[in-house]
Amino acid sequence: MNQEKITELKKWMASEQIDLAYISDPGHIAYFSGYKSDPHERVLALFISLNNDSFLFTPALEVEDAENSSWTEPVYGYLDSEDPWEKIAQLIKKNGIPAKIATEKEALSVARFERLNHAFPSSDFSASITPIIEKLQLLKTPDEVTKLMEAGDWADVALEIGFKAITEGAKEQEILAEIEYQLKRQGIRSMSFDTLVLTGKNAASPHGNPGSTAVAKHELVLFDLGVVHNGYCSDVTRTVAYKEPTDFQKEIYSIVLEAQLKAMDAVKPGITAGELDEVARGVISSYGYGEYFNHRLGHGIGTTVHEYPSLVTGNDLVIEEGMCFSIEPGIYIPGKVGVRIEDCLHVTKTGCEAFTKTTKELQIIE
């Protein structure tokens, strides 16, 4: 239970005259409550009350786990045979009708909002809680940075497993399976997103789908992966070569590496998110490959793998000490080659420190 952040949230609620905050995103629920779960189609909710008891609302089968988490306030559950919204309404109305309820507009489905609105037709739902959550998550505490460093260490372990699994004829999905199998044997319960292992032309799709393509000599292999450890995520990308790469592959790799290193070197308090994107994009564009860098430079990371802020040209958010985000430039030339190099980092007083340490010099797997 993140009492410090809940206290800050309540201060904001008081300033905005909000009686009740409804948090529906599972990642944000975990951030405040300490209870992490994927409810699938069922309702999982955290209600933060300004003047009454806050409570965690879960499917009945999860109540015991929720009570055994770090959350110390009431936990209520519902059976699959019950209407969760009727039960939620009963729990809230016993303390009166909230005049103003804030929701996560970006995370709440229309159907669920309509059920909530039907239960409280006189309440004001105009306030969105998402901006304040993003602000609270933006600056990590030293404890959070430590957890992110530990998650980064496990991402390095995952890369090492993946590199060792590269052999001629090994399929993308087979290498992926070896990574996740070995990690589970060592105690990692889940990845922070679907692991990517892409070889050859497939790596030219930034979010490709690993499949039956086999590793061949003189091809590049792109790994994009991360783990969840102690509630915090890691995210790293490395591109390696199987046997000696071509001069063209080396050229593309060296450009991406230059862009990534220069952007990392530019990270410091005072620069803007947009300016960081422009540093990396400027390097790649100077070599004539600007059109092949077709995504933002980076994203925030914490209890979820993609958090605020977005490092994209035009974003004038000023970087501060304690922010955590990725630096991940890439060049993707359809039908030819794809290279991405990524580290997540935390901003220090004078620069930054990466959570992942795997070398970024082009590795040639023999």
Protein backbone atom coordinates (compact mmCIF):
# COMPACT_ATOMS: atom_id res chain seq x y z
CA MET A 1 0.00 0.00 0.00
CA ASN A 2 1.48 3.27 -1.12
CA GLN A 3 0.24 5.50 1.70
CA GLU A 4 2.44 8.44 0.70
CA LYS A 5 0.95 8.59 -2.79
CA ILE A 6 -2.60 8.04 -1.49
CA THR A 7 -2.13 11.01 0.85
CA GLU A 8 -0.99 13.15 -2.09
CA LEU A 9 -3.96 11.94 -4.12
CA LYS A 10 -6.34 12.93 -1.32
CA LYS A 11 -4.79 16.41 -1.15
CA TRP A 12 -5.57 16.81 -4.84
CA MET A 13 -9.10 15.51 -4.30
CA ALA A 14 -9.66 18.05 -1.53
CA SER A 15 -8.39 20.88 -3.74
CA GLU A 16 -10.77 19.82 -6.52
CA GLN A 17 -13.68 19.14 -4.13
CA ILE A 18 -13.82 15.48 -5.21
CA ASP A 19 -15.53 13.12 -2.77
CA LEU A 20 -14.58 9.81 -4.37
CA ALA A 21 -11.97 8.57 -6.86
CA TYR A 22 -12.65 5.40 -8.86
CA ILE A 23 -9.43 3.76 -10.07
CA SER A 24 -10.04 1.03 -12.64
CA ASP A 25 -6.71 0.42 -14.40
CA PRO A 26 -5.15 -2.74 -12.85
CA GLY A 27 -1.68 -1.23 -13.01
CA HIS A 28 -2.80 1.89 -11.17
CA ILE A 29 -4.71 -0.19 -8.64
CA ALA A 30 -1.47 -2.06 -7.93
CA TYR A 31 0.46 1.21 -7.69
CA PHE A 32 -1.74 2.57 -4.90
CA SER A 33 -2.93 -0.59 -3.15
CA GLY A 34 -0.02 -2.99 -3.54
CA TYR A 35 -2.40 -5.62 -4.93
CA LYS A 36 -1.64 -6.73 -8.48
CA SER A 37 -4.13 -8.78 -10.47
CA ASP A 38 -5.45 -9.28 -13.98
CA PRO A 39 -9.23 -9.51 -13.46
CA HIS A 40 -9.92 -10.42 -17.11
CA GLU A 41 -13.62 -9.72 -17.70
CA ARG A 42 -14.44 -9.33 -14.00
CA VAL A 43 -14.55 -6.03 -12.10
CA LEU A 44 -11.51 -4.98 -10.08
CA ALA A 45 -11.70 -1.50 -8.59
CA LEU A 46 -10.10 0.75 -6.03
CA PHE A 47 -12.24 3.47 -4.47
CA ILE A 48 -10.37 6.24 -2.65
CA SER A 49 -12.70 8.27 -0.45
CA LEU A 50 -11.83 11.75 0.77
CA ASN A 51 -13.72 11.51 4.08
CA ASN A 52 -14.75 7.86 4.49
CA ASP A 53 -13.10 4.45 4.28
CA SER A 54 -11.40 3.67 1.00
CA PHE A 55 -11.84 0.10 -0.22
CA LEU A 56 -10.61 -2.45 -2.72
CA PHE A 57 -13.32 -4.28 -4.67
CA THR A 58 -12.39 -7.65 -6.19
CA PRO A 59 -13.97 -10.85 -7.51
CA ALA A 60 -14.78 -13.15 -4.56
CA LEU A 61 -12.06 -15.60 -5.58
CA GLU A 62 -9.41 -12.90 -5.10
CA VAL A 63 -10.51 -11.48 -1.72
CA GLU A 64 -8.10 -13.57 0.34
CA ASP A 65 -5.13 -12.67 -1.86
CA ALA A 66 -6.07 -8.99 -1.71
CA GLU A 67 -6.36 -9.11 2.08
CA ASN A 68 -2.90 -10.71 2.25
CA SER A 69 -1.37 -7.93 0.16
CA SER A 70 -0.02 -4.67 1.59
CA TRP A 71 -3.48 -3.06 1.33
CA THR A 72 -4.68 -2.39 4.91
CA GLU A 73 -8.17 -0.97 4.37
CA PRO A 74 -11.37 -2.96 3.66
CA VAL A 75 -11.58 -5.48 0.82
CA TYR A 76 -15.00 -6.43 -0.55
CA GLY A 77 -15.75 -9.15 -3.08
CA TYR A 78 -18.59 -10.30 -5.31
CA LEU A 79 -19.65 -13.68 -6.65
CA ASP A 80 -19.99 -14.33 -10.35
CA SER A 81 -23.73 -14.73 -9.74
CA GLU A 82 -23.95 -11.20 -8.28
CA ASP A 83 -24.17 -7.83 -10.01
CA PRO A 84 -20.92 -6.06 -9.05
CA TRP A 85 -22.30 -2.60 -9.78
CA GLU A 86 -25.25 -3.05 -7.45
CA LYS A 87 -22.86 -4.13 -4.72
CA ILE A 88 -20.51 -1.20 -5.39
CA ALA A 89 -23.45 1.20 -5.22
CA GLN A 90 -24.56 -0.26 -1.87
CA LEU A 91 -21.05 0.05 -0.40
CA ILE A 92 -20.70 3.67 -1.45
CA LYS A 93 -24.24 4.81 -0.63
CA LYS A 94 -24.00 3.72 3.00
CA ASN A 95 -21.90 6.86 3.49
CA GLY A 96 -24.18 9.04 1.37
CA ILE A 97 -24.21 10.07 -2.29
CA PRO A 98 -20.87 11.51 -3.47
CA ALA A 99 -21.40 14.89 -5.08
CA LYS A 100 -18.31 14.54 -7.29
CA ILE A 101 -16.69 11.31 -8.48
CA ALA A 102 -13.42 11.29 -10.46
CA THR A 103 -12.72 8.44 -12.89
CA GLU A 104 -9.90 7.31 -15.17
CA LYS A 105 -11.49 8.39 -18.42
CA GLU A 106 -8.68 6.82 -20.46
CA ALA A 107 -9.16 3.41 -18.78
CA LEU A 108 -12.92 3.17 -18.16
CA SER A 109 -15.15 1.52 -20.75
CA VAL A 110 -18.36 3.25 -21.81
CA ALA A 111 -20.41 0.29 -20.56
CA ARG A 112 -18.91 0.45 -17.06
CA PHE A 113 -19.21 4.22 -16.89
CA GLU A 114 -22.88 3.94 -17.80
CA ARG A 115 -23.46 1.47 -14.94
CA LEU A 116 -21.72 3.80 -12.48
CA ASN A 117 -23.57 6.82 -13.80
CA HIS A 118 -26.88 4.95 -13.51
CA ALA A 119 -26.14 4.19 -9.84
CA PHE A 120 -25.27 7.83 -9.09
CA PRO A 121 -27.30 9.96 -11.53
CA SER A 122 -26.93 13.11 -9.44
CA SER A 123 -23.14 12.88 -9.11
CA ASP A 124 -20.71 14.98 -11.15
CA PHE A 125 -18.36 12.79 -13.23
CA SER A 126 -16.56 15.59 -15.07
CA ALA A 127 -13.18 15.16 -13.33
CA SER A 128 -10.50 12.83 -14.70
CA ILE A 129 -8.05 11.36 -12.23
CA THR A 130 -5.55 10.26 -14.92
CA PRO A 131 -3.46 13.49 -14.98
CA ILE A 132 -2.83 13.44 -11.23
CA ILE A 133 -1.92 9.72 -11.34
CA GLU A 134 0.58 10.44 -14.11
CA LYS A 135 2.05 13.27 -12.03
CA LEU A 136 2.33 11.08 -8.92
CA GLN A 137 4.05 8.32 -10.89
CA LEU A 138 6.41 10.66 -12.71
CA LEU A 139 9.04 11.07 -9.99
CA LYS A 140 10.18 7.75 -8.51
CA THR A 141 11.27 7.33 -4.92
CA PRO A 142 14.68 5.79 -4.12
CA ASP A 143 12.89 2.55 -3.22
CA GLU A 144 11.15 2.50 -6.59
CA VAL A 145 14.46 3.11 -8.38
CA THR A 146 15.99 0.19 -6.50
CA LYS A 147 13.15 -2.08 -7.61
CA LEU A 148 13.53 -0.92 -11.20
CA MET A 149 17.28 -1.62 -11.04
CA GLU A 150 16.54 -5.15 -9.82
CA ALA A 151 14.04 -5.69 -12.64
CA GLY A 152 16.70 -4.44 -15.04
CA ASP A 153 19.18 -7.00 -13.72
CA TRP A 154 16.68 -9.74 -14.59
CA ALA A 155 16.25 -8.33 -18.08
CA ASP A 156 20.01 -8.67 -18.53
CA VAL A 157 19.74 -12.31 -17.41
CA ALA A 158 16.99 -12.83 -19.98
CA LEU A 159 19.14 -11.42 -22.76
CA GLU A 160 22.01 -13.70 -21.81
CA ILE A 161 19.70 -16.71 -22.00
CA GLY A 162 18.44 -15.58 -25.39
CA PHE A 163 21.88 -15.03 -26.85
CA LYS A 164 22.94 -18.52 -25.77
CA ALA A 165 19.86 -20.00 -27.44
CA ILE A 166 20.83 -18.64 -30.87
CA THR A 167 21.91 -21.42 -33.22
CA GLU A 168 21.49 -21.91 -36.93
CA GLY A 169 17.95 -23.09 -37.57
CA ALA A 170 16.59 -22.10 -34.16
CA LYS A 171 13.16 -20.55 -34.59
CA GLU A 172 12.13 -17.23 -33.10
CA GLN A 173 9.42 -18.85 -30.99
CA GLU A 174 11.83 -21.51 -29.73
CA ILE A 175 14.33 -18.90 -28.53
CA LEU A 176 11.51 -16.94 -26.90
CA ALA A 177 10.25 -20.06 -25.13
CA GLU A 178 13.73 -20.86 -23.81
CA ILE A 179 14.05 -17.37 -22.31
CA GLU A 180 10.72 -17.51 -20.51
CA TYR A 181 11.19 -21.12 -19.39
CA GLN A 182 14.56 -20.44 -17.83
CA LEU A 183 13.31 -17.29 -16.14
CA LYS A 184 10.36 -19.11 -14.61
CA ARG A 185 12.73 -21.76 -13.30
CA GLN A 186 14.60 -18.95 -11.53
CA GLY A 187 11.47 -17.47 -9.96
CA ILE A 188 10.25 -14.84 -12.44
CA ARG A 189 6.47 -15.19 -12.63
CA SER A 190 5.68 -12.92 -15.56
CA MET A 191 7.13 -10.83 -18.34
CA SER A 192 6.26 -7.15 -18.46
CA PHE A 193 4.99 -7.54 -22.05
CA ASP A 194 5.01 -10.15 -24.81
CA THR A 195 8.65 -11.03 -25.51
CA LEU A 196 9.91 -10.23 -28.99
CA VAL A 197 12.55 -12.30 -30.78
CA LEU A 198 12.71 -11.28 -34.45
CA THR A 199 15.30 -12.26 -36.99
CA GLY A 200 16.25 -11.06 -40.45
CA LYS A 201 13.59 -9.08 -42.29
CA ASN A 202 11.10 -9.66 -39.48
CA ALA A 203 13.01 -7.22 -37.27
CA ALA A 204 11.98 -4.43 -39.65
CA SER A 205 8.56 -4.54 -37.98
CA PRO A 206 8.99 -2.68 -34.64
CA HIS A 207 6.21 -4.70 -32.99
CA GLY A 208 6.46 -7.89 -35.03
CA ASN A 209 5.13 -11.30 -34.09
CA PRO A 210 7.72 -14.01 -33.34
CA GLY A 211 6.96 -17.18 -35.24
CA SER A 212 8.54 -20.04 -37.12
CA THR A 213 11.24 -18.05 -38.91
CA ALA A 214 14.60 -19.69 -38.27
CA VAL A 215 17.86 -17.89 -37.56
CA ALA A 216 20.20 -17.93 -40.55
CA LYS A 217 23.87 -17.08 -40.93
CA HIS A 218 24.73 -13.41 -41.40
CA GLU A 219 21.37 -12.21 -40.08
CA LEU A 220 20.53 -9.91 -37.19
CA VAL A 221 18.35 -11.01 -34.27
CA LEU A 222 16.38 -8.42 -32.29
CA PHE A 223 15.37 -9.05 -28.67
CA ASP A 224 12.83 -6.81 -26.91
CA LEU A 225 11.83 -8.03 -23.46
CA GLY A 226 11.29 -7.25 -19.81
CA VAL A 227 10.18 -8.84 -16.55
CA VAL A 228 7.98 -7.92 -13.61
CA HIS A 229 9.92 -8.14 -10.35
CA ASN A 230 8.58 -6.97 -6.98
CA GLY A 231 5.81 -5.15 -8.82
CA TYR A 232 8.09 -3.13 -11.12
CA CYS A 233 8.87 -3.62 -14.80
CA SER A 234 11.93 -3.72 -16.99
CA ASP A 235 12.20 -3.16 -20.74
CA VAL A 236 15.31 -3.59 -22.88
CA THR A 237 16.14 -4.12 -26.55
CA ARG A 238 19.34 -5.48 -28.04
CA THR A 239 20.10 -6.47 -31.61
CA VAL A 240 22.85 -9.03 -32.23
CA ALA A 241 24.29 -10.77 -35.27
CA TYR A 242 24.51 -14.49 -35.96
CA LYS A 243 27.87 -15.00 -37.68
CA GLU A 244 29.56 -12.08 -39.41
CA PRO A 245 27.03 -9.38 -40.44
CA THR A 246 27.10 -7.55 -43.74
CA ASP A 247 28.62 -4.09 -44.10
CA PHE A 248 25.13 -2.67 -44.56
CA GLN A 249 23.91 -4.26 -41.33
CA LYS A 250 26.96 -2.91 -39.52
CA GLU A 251 26.28 0.57 -40.90
CA ILE A 252 22.66 0.60 -39.73
CA TYR A 253 23.66 -0.75 -36.33
CA SER A 254 26.37 1.87 -35.84
CA ILE A 255 23.93 4.69 -36.67
CA VAL A 256 21.34 3.45 -34.17
CA LEU A 257 24.02 3.00 -31.53
CA GLU A 258 25.29 6.53 -32.07
CA ALA A 259 21.76 7.88 -31.76
CA GLN A 260 21.09 5.92 -28.57
CA LEU A 261 24.38 6.89 -26.91
CA LYS A 262 24.02 10.58 -27.77
CA ALA A 263 20.46 10.65 -26.45
CA MET A 264 21.58 8.91 -23.24
CA ASP A 265 24.42 11.43 -22.86
CA ALA A 266 21.91 14.28 -23.29
CA VAL A 267 19.65 13.12 -20.46
CA LYS A 268 19.87 15.54 -17.54
CA PRO A 269 17.55 17.73 -15.50
CA GLY A 270 16.45 20.75 -17.52
CA ILE A 271 16.30 19.29 -21.01
CA THR A 272 12.82 18.61 -22.41
CA ALA A 273 11.35 15.29 -23.49
CA GLY A 274 10.98 16.64 -27.02
CA GLU A 275 14.60 17.77 -27.17
CA LEU A 276 15.77 14.26 -26.26
CA ASP A 277 13.74 12.83 -29.13
CA GLU A 278 15.27 15.39 -31.45
CA VAL A 279 18.82 14.43 -30.41
CA ALA A 280 18.36 10.80 -31.49
CA ARG A 281 16.20 11.64 -34.49
CA GLY A 282 18.73 14.20 -35.64
CA VAL A 283 21.53 11.61 -35.69
CA ILE A 284 19.50 9.12 -37.71
CA SER A 285 18.23 11.82 -40.10
CA SER A 286 21.77 13.10 -40.70
CA TYR A 287 22.63 9.73 -42.27
CA GLY A 288 19.52 9.80 -44.47
CA TYR A 289 17.43 7.26 -42.57
CA GLY A 290 15.05 9.59 -40.74
CA GLU A 291 11.94 8.16 -42.41
CA TYR A 292 12.81 4.72 -41.02
CA PHE A 293 12.71 5.84 -37.39
CA ASN A 294 8.95 5.69 -37.15
CA HIS A 295 8.15 5.83 -33.43
CA ARG A 296 8.79 8.03 -30.39
CA LEU A 297 12.15 7.88 -28.65
CA GLY A 298 10.83 6.56 -25.36
CA HIS A 299 8.19 6.13 -22.67
CA GLY A 300 7.98 6.16 -18.89
CA ILE A 301 8.32 2.95 -16.90
CA GLY A 302 7.39 1.85 -13.39
CA THR A 303 4.69 -0.51 -12.15
CA THR A 304 3.57 -0.72 -15.77
CA VAL A 305 5.85 -0.95 -18.77
CA HIS A 306 4.42 2.08 -20.58
CA GLU A 307 3.84 5.09 -18.35
CA TYR A 308 3.86 8.86 -18.68
CA PRO A 309 5.85 10.66 -20.09
CA SER A 310 6.15 10.17 -23.82
CA LEU A 311 9.49 11.23 -25.28
CA VAL A 312 8.37 12.64 -28.60
CA THR A 313 9.22 15.73 -30.61
CA GLY A 314 7.12 18.66 -29.44
CA ASN A 315 6.73 17.50 -25.85
CA ASP A 316 7.98 20.41 -23.70
CA LEU A 317 7.91 18.48 -20.42
CA VAL A 318 11.07 19.40 -18.51
CA ILE A 319 13.08 16.39 -17.38
CA GLU A 320 13.64 16.18 -13.61
CA GLU A 321 15.72 14.07 -11.28
CA GLY A 322 13.84 10.88 -10.41
CA MET A 323 12.06 10.45 -13.72
CA CYS A 324 12.36 7.00 -15.29
CA PHE A 325 11.96 6.29 -18.99
CA SER A 326 13.30 4.43 -22.01
CA ILE A 327 15.68 5.60 -24.74
CA GLU A 328 15.06 3.37 -27.77
CA PRO A 329 15.85 4.68 -31.25
CA GLY A 330 15.59 2.33 -34.20
CA ILE A 331 15.86 2.02 -37.96
CA TYR A 332 13.41 -0.29 -39.75
CA ILE A 333 13.82 -0.73 -43.49
CA PRO A 334 11.03 -3.02 -44.77
CA GLY A 335 12.26 -6.18 -46.42
CA LYS A 336 15.87 -5.49 -45.46
CA VAL A 337 16.82 -4.86 -41.86
CA GLY A 338 15.60 -3.75 -38.44
CA VAL A 339 17.75 -2.50 -35.55
CA ARG A 340 16.66 -1.11 -32.18
CA ILE A 341 18.74 -0.47 -29.06
CA GLU A 342 16.95 0.33 -25.80
CA ASP A 343 17.72 0.98 -22.17
CA CYS A 344 15.44 2.29 -19.46
CA LEU A 345 17.01 4.68 -16.97
CA HIS A 346 16.52 6.99 -14.03
CA VAL A 347 17.52 10.64 -14.12
CA THR A 348 20.18 11.69 -11.62
CA LYS A 349 21.31 15.17 -10.53
CA THR A 350 23.80 15.39 -13.39
CA GLY A 351 22.77 12.76 -15.94
CA CYS A 352 21.26 9.31 -15.87
CA GLU A 353 21.87 5.68 -14.95
CA ALA A 354 20.56 2.78 -17.02
CA PHE A 355 18.72 -0.12 -15.41
CA THR A 356 20.23 -2.58 -17.92
CA LYS A 357 23.94 -3.19 -18.42
CA THR A 358 24.22 -5.64 -21.34
CA THR A 359 26.84 -4.32 -23.76
CA LYS A 360 25.61 -2.28 -26.72
CA GLU A 361 28.60 -2.97 -28.92
CA LEU A 362 27.47 -5.21 -31.77
CA GLN A 363 27.73 -8.78 -30.53
CA ILE A 364 28.47 -11.48 -33.09
CA ILE A 365 27.18 -14.89 -32.03
CA GLU A 366 29.36 -17.65 -33.47
